[in-house]
Amino acid sequence: MITGPDQLHISYVHSPIRYAWDLQHQYLKEAGLARGMKGWIAKAILHYIRNWDYRTANGVDYFVANSKFIARRIWKVYRREADVIYPPVDVSAFTFHDKKEDFYLTASRMVPYKKIDLIVEAFSQMPDKKLVVIGDGPDFNKIKAKAVSNVELLGYQPFEVLRDYMQRAKAFVFAAEEDFGITPVEAQACGTPVIAYGKGGALETVRGYGQAEKPTGLFFKEQTVASLIQSIQLFENISGDIQYQDCRENALRFSPERFRKEFQDYVNSKLQHM
């Protein structure tokens, strides 16, 4: 974006370019470009992209991040402070439901960083606990091969089916390190507690058991099968301490109406200083 001297430039950032900065090695490995001539060319192109990205960041007047997690990443990459305005989540579409059934749910596009394989492996070692998996993607067959009888893979499902399972699940399991993470908020909007990896945006959208008043879920410390199993077992013991209505009320903090007001107020305040 090239702006004139009297134009205000506010940049709302979901993440600095992941494949060029902190996740470069992971993306190259997954694309088969970690070595060889193609790998050398890819790394050279990414080096150029990083230089371009850093240089153009100087034209931004104010950075706004979608989470405190991304604000720290913006500082790390661009050495610029960022304000935080959480993105909008259509919480009104995910209606509250307090009648839960005896199964866990995860839903995601099946790509490596979502760690759906980790969740499936964990439940494959807990045959007395049922897991329902909704979603499709490149890793579907690999993940399906790891599933046993207590793990049900439904593939892609329309919104109404996803919402129905999300409303009835005893908990939603989330193992990715996300910039913000919308699905944990959608689950809480249904009144469903969340068991999440304790890093990234989930730390800002889920109130952890033992870490905050009116908890809406709990966190596992490592992206490992053992750590997730331990958290599932803890949840079984403390689930009565998590109130479904608290989950719903927490999700309402991220409504579209709140986002529009915060962003409009933010733009107006910066315009006044021009």
Protein backbone atom coordinates (compact mmCIF):
# COMPACT_ATOMS: atom_id res chain seq x y z
CA MET A 1 0.00 0.00 0.00
CA ILE A 2 1.52 3.29 -1.12
CA THR A 3 -0.07 6.27 0.61
CA GLY A 4 0.16 10.01 0.18
CA PRO A 5 1.59 12.35 2.84
CA ASP A 6 -1.89 13.22 4.17
CA GLN A 7 -3.32 9.69 4.14
CA LEU A 8 -3.74 7.63 7.31
CA HIS A 9 -2.55 4.02 6.99
CA ILE A 10 -3.85 1.58 9.62
CA SER A 11 -2.82 -2.05 9.09
CA TYR A 12 -4.95 -4.77 10.71
CA VAL A 13 -2.73 -7.84 10.92
CA HIS A 14 -3.76 -11.46 11.44
CA SER A 15 -0.10 -12.49 11.23
CA PRO A 16 3.15 -11.41 9.61
CA ILE A 17 3.78 -13.66 6.59
CA ARG A 18 4.11 -17.04 8.30
CA TYR A 19 5.98 -18.89 5.56
CA ALA A 20 8.56 -16.11 5.27
CA TRP A 21 9.24 -15.56 8.97
CA ASP A 22 8.76 -17.85 11.98
CA LEU A 23 7.27 -20.87 10.16
CA GLN A 24 9.63 -20.84 7.18
CA HIS A 25 11.37 -24.12 8.02
CA GLN A 26 8.06 -25.91 8.66
CA TYR A 27 6.54 -24.76 5.35
CA LEU A 28 9.66 -25.68 3.37
CA LYS A 29 9.77 -29.13 4.95
CA GLU A 30 6.07 -29.80 4.29
CA ALA A 31 6.46 -28.62 0.67
CA GLY A 32 9.51 -30.83 0.11
CA LEU A 33 11.73 -27.76 -0.38
CA ALA A 34 14.07 -28.15 2.58
CA ARG A 35 17.05 -29.11 0.39
CA GLY A 36 18.29 -29.30 -3.19
CA MET A 37 18.21 -26.72 -5.97
CA LYS A 38 14.47 -26.01 -5.58
CA GLY A 39 15.02 -25.51 -1.86
CA TRP A 40 17.83 -23.04 -2.50
CA ILE A 41 15.64 -21.06 -4.92
CA ALA A 42 12.71 -21.07 -2.46
CA LYS A 43 14.93 -19.77 0.35
CA ALA A 44 16.27 -17.02 -1.88
CA ILE A 45 12.74 -15.93 -2.79
CA LEU A 46 11.70 -15.95 0.87
CA HIS A 47 14.73 -13.82 1.73
CA TYR A 48 13.58 -11.27 -0.86
CA ILE A 49 10.01 -11.38 0.54
CA ARG A 50 11.27 -10.73 4.08
CA ASN A 51 13.27 -7.70 2.92
CA TRP A 52 10.26 -6.35 1.00
CA ASP A 53 7.88 -7.04 3.89
CA TYR A 54 10.09 -5.30 6.44
CA ARG A 55 10.67 -2.31 4.17
CA THR A 56 6.99 -1.75 3.36
CA ALA A 57 6.05 -1.97 7.05
CA ASN A 58 7.66 1.44 7.49
CA GLY A 59 4.78 3.00 5.54
CA VAL A 60 2.23 1.97 8.17
CA ASP A 61 1.14 4.65 10.66
CA TYR A 62 -0.55 2.31 13.15
CA PHE A 63 -0.53 -1.48 13.47
CA VAL A 64 -3.51 -3.30 14.92
CA ALA A 65 -3.15 -7.00 15.79
CA ASN A 66 -5.91 -9.58 16.14
CA SER A 67 -4.44 -10.78 19.48
CA LYS A 68 -1.71 -9.99 21.99
CA PHE A 69 0.09 -13.05 20.61
CA ILE A 70 0.27 -11.43 17.16
CA ALA A 71 1.17 -8.03 18.66
CA ARG A 72 4.30 -9.69 20.09
CA ARG A 73 5.04 -11.23 16.70
CA ILE A 74 4.68 -7.83 15.00
CA TRP A 75 7.21 -6.39 17.43
CA LYS A 76 9.55 -9.31 16.81
CA VAL A 77 9.39 -8.96 13.00
CA TYR A 78 8.90 -5.24 12.38
CA ARG A 79 9.96 -3.71 15.72
CA ARG A 80 6.65 -1.82 15.80
CA GLU A 81 4.13 -1.55 18.63
CA ALA A 82 0.63 -2.81 17.84
CA ASP A 83 -2.72 -2.20 19.46
CA VAL A 84 -5.08 -5.17 19.82
CA ILE A 85 -8.64 -5.44 18.51
CA TYR A 86 -10.00 -8.97 18.57
CA PRO A 87 -11.64 -10.10 15.31
CA PRO A 88 -15.40 -10.63 14.98
CA VAL A 89 -16.92 -14.05 15.57
CA ASP A 90 -20.51 -14.77 14.52
CA VAL A 91 -21.47 -15.91 18.01
CA SER A 92 -25.18 -15.39 17.32
CA ALA A 93 -25.09 -18.25 14.80
CA PHE A 94 -23.88 -20.67 17.50
CA THR A 95 -26.79 -20.85 19.90
CA PHE A 96 -26.50 -21.91 23.52
CA HIS A 97 -27.23 -25.53 24.44
CA ASP A 98 -26.80 -26.93 27.95
CA LYS A 99 -27.65 -30.59 27.29
CA LYS A 100 -24.29 -32.26 26.69
CA GLU A 101 -23.59 -35.82 25.54
CA ASP A 102 -20.72 -38.17 26.23
CA PHE A 103 -18.37 -37.35 23.37
CA TYR A 104 -15.58 -34.91 22.55
CA LEU A 105 -15.39 -32.91 19.32
CA THR A 106 -12.69 -31.42 17.15
CA ALA A 107 -13.26 -29.66 13.83
CA SER A 108 -10.69 -28.27 11.43
CA ARG A 109 -9.16 -28.37 8.01
CA MET A 110 -6.78 -31.31 8.05
CA VAL A 111 -3.37 -29.76 7.53
CA PRO A 112 -0.25 -30.48 9.63
CA TYR A 113 -0.18 -27.44 11.91
CA LYS A 114 -3.76 -28.06 13.08
CA LYS A 115 -2.47 -31.20 14.87
CA ILE A 116 -5.64 -33.25 14.30
CA ASP A 117 -3.45 -36.35 14.10
CA LEU A 118 -2.24 -35.67 17.64
CA ILE A 119 -5.83 -35.50 18.93
CA VAL A 120 -6.78 -38.73 17.14
CA GLU A 121 -3.71 -40.53 18.47
CA ALA A 122 -4.52 -39.42 22.01
CA PHE A 123 -8.11 -40.69 21.87
CA SER A 124 -6.95 -43.91 20.22
CA GLN A 125 -5.17 -44.56 23.51
CA MET A 126 -8.35 -43.82 25.49
CA PRO A 127 -10.85 -46.38 24.13
CA ASP A 128 -13.47 -45.49 26.76
CA LYS A 129 -13.77 -41.92 25.44
CA LYS A 130 -15.47 -41.06 22.15
CA LEU A 131 -14.10 -38.47 19.73
CA VAL A 132 -15.95 -37.01 16.73
CA VAL A 133 -13.80 -35.33 14.05
CA ILE A 134 -15.32 -32.95 11.48
CA GLY A 135 -13.28 -31.63 8.57
CA ASP A 136 -11.41 -32.57 5.43
CA GLY A 137 -8.06 -31.77 3.87
CA PRO A 138 -4.77 -33.19 2.55
CA ASP A 139 -4.08 -35.19 5.74
CA PHE A 140 -7.49 -36.87 5.95
CA ASN A 141 -6.36 -40.36 4.89
CA LYS A 142 -3.26 -40.25 7.08
CA ILE A 143 -5.36 -39.27 10.08
CA LYS A 144 -8.05 -41.84 9.27
CA ALA A 145 -5.40 -44.57 9.35
CA LYS A 146 -4.66 -43.69 12.99
CA ALA A 147 -8.29 -43.79 14.11
CA VAL A 148 -9.74 -46.72 16.06
CA SER A 149 -13.35 -47.65 16.88
CA ASN A 150 -13.95 -44.84 19.40
CA VAL A 151 -12.88 -42.16 16.89
CA GLU A 152 -15.47 -41.17 14.27
CA LEU A 153 -14.30 -39.15 11.26
CA LEU A 154 -17.22 -37.44 9.52
CA GLY A 155 -15.23 -35.53 6.89
CA TYR A 156 -16.62 -32.21 5.64
CA GLN A 157 -20.05 -31.36 7.05
CA PRO A 158 -22.41 -28.43 6.41
CA PHE A 159 -22.71 -25.70 9.01
CA GLU A 160 -25.90 -27.05 10.58
CA VAL A 161 -24.26 -30.41 11.32
CA LEU A 162 -21.12 -28.79 12.74
CA ARG A 163 -23.20 -26.56 15.01
CA ASP A 164 -25.30 -29.50 16.20
CA TYR A 165 -22.24 -31.51 17.25
CA MET A 166 -20.63 -28.43 18.77
CA GLN A 167 -23.73 -27.84 20.89
CA ARG A 168 -23.92 -31.41 22.16
CA ALA A 169 -20.21 -32.15 22.76
CA LYS A 170 -18.99 -32.37 26.35
CA ALA A 171 -15.87 -30.44 25.26
CA PHE A 172 -14.17 -29.10 22.14
CA VAL A 173 -10.52 -30.13 21.66
CA PHE A 174 -8.13 -27.67 20.00
CA ALA A 175 -4.45 -28.55 19.52
CA ALA A 176 -3.17 -25.88 17.11
CA GLU A 177 -1.06 -22.85 17.88
CA GLU A 178 -3.31 -20.24 16.30
CA ASP A 179 -2.99 -16.50 15.89
CA PHE A 180 -6.49 -16.06 17.33
CA GLY A 181 -8.54 -19.22 16.75
CA ILE A 182 -12.21 -18.80 15.91
CA THR A 183 -13.52 -22.33 16.53
CA PRO A 184 -12.82 -22.28 20.31
CA VAL A 185 -14.94 -19.11 20.52
CA GLU A 186 -17.71 -20.73 18.45
CA ALA A 187 -17.68 -23.75 20.77
CA GLN A 188 -17.95 -21.54 23.84
CA ALA A 189 -20.84 -19.67 22.20
CA CYS A 190 -22.65 -23.03 22.23
CA GLY A 191 -21.89 -23.36 25.94
CA THR A 192 -19.23 -25.99 25.26
CA PRO A 193 -15.96 -25.98 27.26
CA VAL A 194 -12.64 -26.00 25.39
CA ILE A 195 -9.52 -28.09 25.96
CA ALA A 196 -6.78 -26.19 24.11
CA TYR A 197 -3.04 -26.11 23.59
CA GLY A 198 -1.77 -23.45 25.95
CA LYS A 199 -0.11 -21.18 23.44
CA GLY A 200 -1.21 -18.56 20.92
CA GLY A 201 -4.60 -16.91 20.73
CA ALA A 202 -6.41 -19.58 22.75
CA LEU A 203 -4.83 -18.14 25.90
CA GLU A 204 -6.82 -14.97 25.22
CA THR A 205 -10.15 -16.53 24.24
CA VAL A 206 -10.44 -19.34 26.80
CA ARG A 207 -10.49 -18.74 30.55
CA GLY A 208 -8.32 -21.54 31.89
CA TYR A 209 -9.29 -23.66 34.88
CA GLY A 210 -7.19 -22.67 37.88
CA GLN A 211 -6.02 -19.53 36.05
CA ALA A 212 -9.13 -17.35 35.87
CA GLU A 213 -12.50 -16.83 37.51
CA LYS A 214 -15.47 -18.49 35.82
CA PRO A 215 -13.29 -20.90 33.78
CA THR A 216 -14.44 -21.96 30.31
CA GLY A 217 -11.88 -24.67 29.66
CA LEU A 218 -8.35 -25.81 30.39
CA PHE A 219 -4.97 -25.92 28.65
CA PHE A 220 -2.43 -28.63 27.94
CA LYS A 221 1.20 -27.52 28.04
CA GLU A 222 2.78 -29.44 25.16
CA GLN A 223 1.69 -30.57 21.70
CA THR A 224 2.15 -34.19 22.67
CA VAL A 225 -0.18 -37.15 23.06
CA ALA A 226 0.79 -37.58 26.72
CA SER A 227 0.09 -33.95 27.58
CA LEU A 228 -3.32 -34.01 25.89
CA ILE A 229 -4.31 -37.28 27.58
CA GLN A 230 -3.40 -35.78 30.94
CA SER A 231 -5.62 -32.76 30.25
CA ILE A 232 -8.55 -34.93 29.15
CA GLN A 233 -8.27 -36.89 32.39
CA LEU A 234 -8.16 -33.65 34.39
CA PHE A 235 -11.21 -32.35 32.54
CA GLU A 236 -13.14 -35.51 33.43
CA ASN A 237 -12.50 -34.73 37.11
CA ILE A 238 -13.24 -30.99 37.09
CA SER A 239 -15.84 -30.59 34.33
CA GLY A 240 -18.51 -29.88 36.94
CA ASP A 241 -16.63 -26.72 37.90
CA ILE A 242 -17.09 -25.26 34.40
CA GLN A 243 -20.49 -23.68 33.86
CA TYR A 244 -21.91 -23.78 30.35
CA GLN A 245 -23.42 -20.29 30.73
CA ASP A 246 -19.96 -18.89 31.58
CA CYS A 247 -18.68 -20.30 28.28
CA ARG A 248 -21.46 -18.51 26.42
CA GLU A 249 -20.88 -15.20 28.19
CA ASN A 250 -17.15 -15.36 27.50
CA ALA A 251 -17.76 -15.91 23.78
CA LEU A 252 -19.98 -12.83 23.58
CA ARG A 253 -16.87 -10.69 24.17
CA PHE A 254 -15.96 -11.33 20.52
CA SER A 255 -19.22 -10.35 18.81
CA PRO A 256 -19.26 -8.54 15.42
CA GLU A 257 -21.03 -5.56 17.04
CA ARG A 258 -18.17 -5.14 19.52
CA PHE A 259 -15.61 -5.37 16.70
CA ARG A 260 -17.32 -2.73 14.56
CA LYS A 261 -17.56 -0.30 17.46
CA GLU A 262 -13.95 -0.82 18.61
CA PHE A 263 -12.57 -0.46 15.10
CA GLN A 264 -14.65 2.61 14.27
CA ASP A 265 -13.65 4.27 17.54
CA TYR A 266 -10.01 3.40 16.87
CA VAL A 267 -10.02 4.90 13.36
CA ASN A 268 -11.81 8.03 14.56
CA SER A 269 -9.31 8.54 17.38
CA LYS A 270 -6.35 8.30 15.00
CA LEU A 271 -7.96 10.63 12.47
CA GLN A 272 -8.22 13.28 15.15
CA HIS A 273 -4.43 13.29 15.50
CA MET A 274 -3.74 13.88 11.81
